[in-house]
Amino acid sequence: MRPRALNFEQLVKQNKQDLLNDEERITQIEMRLEKRQEANVKALRDNDLEMNR
């Protein structure tokens, strides 16, 4: 079954909502990447400390 066509206003509204959803997903991904980067830096720092003992 073919989806019904959206009028211009509905299409704009849907596109805005999609962009907001995408922005939220991107923000979540960025936060996860930052946490992983922090963990990696800490692990490298800890490793350097162990090797210099």
C-alpha atoms as a PDB file:
ATOM      1  CA  MET A   1       0.000   0.000   0.000  1.00  0.00           C
ATOM      2  CA  ARG A   2       1.308   3.390  -0.968  1.00  0.00           C
ATOM      3  CA  PRO A   3       1.694   6.026   1.794  1.00  0.00           C
ATOM      4  CA  ARG A   4      -0.478   9.068   1.425  1.00  0.00           C
ATOM      5  CA  ALA A   5       1.190  12.205   0.118  1.00  0.00           C
ATOM      6  CA  LEU A   6       2.008  14.988   2.553  1.00  0.00           C
ATOM      7  CA  ASN A   7       1.215  18.594   1.817  1.00  0.00           C
ATOM      8  CA  PHE A   8       3.994  21.163   2.011  1.00  0.00           C
ATOM      9  CA  GLU A   9       3.336  22.215   5.608  1.00  0.00           C
ATOM     10  CA  GLN A  10       3.210  18.605   6.786  1.00  0.00           C
ATOM     11  CA  LEU A  11       6.426  17.845   4.946  1.00  0.00           C
ATOM     12  CA  VAL A  12       8.184  20.844   6.529  1.00  0.00           C
ATOM     13  CA  LYS A  13       6.922  19.821   9.970  1.00  0.00           C
ATOM     14  CA  GLN A  14       8.101  16.243   9.445  1.00  0.00           C
ATOM     15  CA  ASN A  15      11.512  17.395   8.207  1.00  0.00           C
ATOM     16  CA  LYS A  16      11.957  19.681  11.234  1.00  0.00           C
ATOM     17  CA  GLN A  17      11.094  16.818  13.577  1.00  0.00           C
ATOM     18  CA  ASP A  18      13.507  14.509  11.753  1.00  0.00           C
ATOM     19  CA  LEU A  19      16.278  17.095  12.102  1.00  0.00           C
ATOM     20  CA  LEU A  20      15.615  17.490  15.827  1.00  0.00           C
ATOM     21  CA  ASN A  21      15.711  13.718  16.258  1.00  0.00           C
ATOM     22  CA  ASP A  22      18.943  13.505  14.282  1.00  0.00           C
ATOM     23  CA  GLU A  23      20.487  16.291  16.360  1.00  0.00           C
ATOM     24  CA  GLU A  24      19.609  14.435  19.563  1.00  0.00           C
ATOM     25  CA  ARG A  25      21.145  11.209  18.233  1.00  0.00           C
ATOM     26  CA  ILE A  26      24.302  13.043  17.154  1.00  0.00           C
ATOM     27  CA  THR A  27      24.608  14.655  20.588  1.00  0.00           C
ATOM     28  CA  GLN A  28      24.327  11.239  22.246  1.00  0.00           C
ATOM     29  CA  ILE A  29      26.979   9.786  19.933  1.00  0.00           C
ATOM     30  CA  GLU A  30      29.306  12.725  20.621  1.00  0.00           C
ATOM     31  CA  MET A  31      28.891  12.246  24.375  1.00  0.00           C
ATOM     32  CA  ARG A  32      29.710   8.534  24.099  1.00  0.00           C
ATOM     33  CA  LEU A  33      32.785   9.332  21.999  1.00  0.00           C
ATOM     34  CA  GLU A  34      33.976  11.913  24.537  1.00  0.00           C
ATOM     35  CA  LYS A  35      33.603   9.390  27.374  1.00  0.00           C
ATOM     36  CA  ARG A  36      35.546   6.784  25.396  1.00  0.00           C
ATOM     37  CA  GLN A  37      38.258   9.312  24.603  1.00  0.00           C
ATOM     38  CA  GLU A  38      38.539  10.268  28.270  1.00  0.00           C
ATOM     39  CA  ALA A  39      38.802   6.584  29.215  1.00  0.00           C
ATOM     40  CA  ASN A  40      41.480   6.020  26.569  1.00  0.00           C
ATOM     41  CA  VAL A  41      43.526   9.004  27.751  1.00  0.00           C
ATOM     42  CA  LYS A  42      43.260   7.819  31.357  1.00  0.00           C
ATOM     43  CA  ALA A  43      44.321   4.301  30.368  1.00  0.00           C
ATOM     44  CA  LEU A  44      47.328   5.649  28.455  1.00  0.00           C
ATOM     45  CA  ARG A  45      48.275   7.878  31.389  1.00  0.00           C
ATOM     46  CA  ASP A  46      47.961   4.979  33.834  1.00  0.00           C
ATOM     47  CA  ASN A  47      50.016   2.765  31.523  1.00  0.00           C
ATOM     48  CA  ASP A  48      52.754   5.406  31.249  1.00  0.00           C
ATOM     49  CA  LEU A  49      52.857   5.715  35.040  1.00  0.00           C
ATOM     50  CA  GLU A  50      53.214   1.947  35.429  1.00  0.00           C
ATOM     51  CA  MET A  51      56.017   1.785  32.845  1.00  0.00           C
ATOM     52  CA  ASN A  52      57.959   4.624  34.497  1.00  0.00           C
ATOM     53  CA  ARG A  53      58.035   2.965  37.922  1.00  0.00           C
END
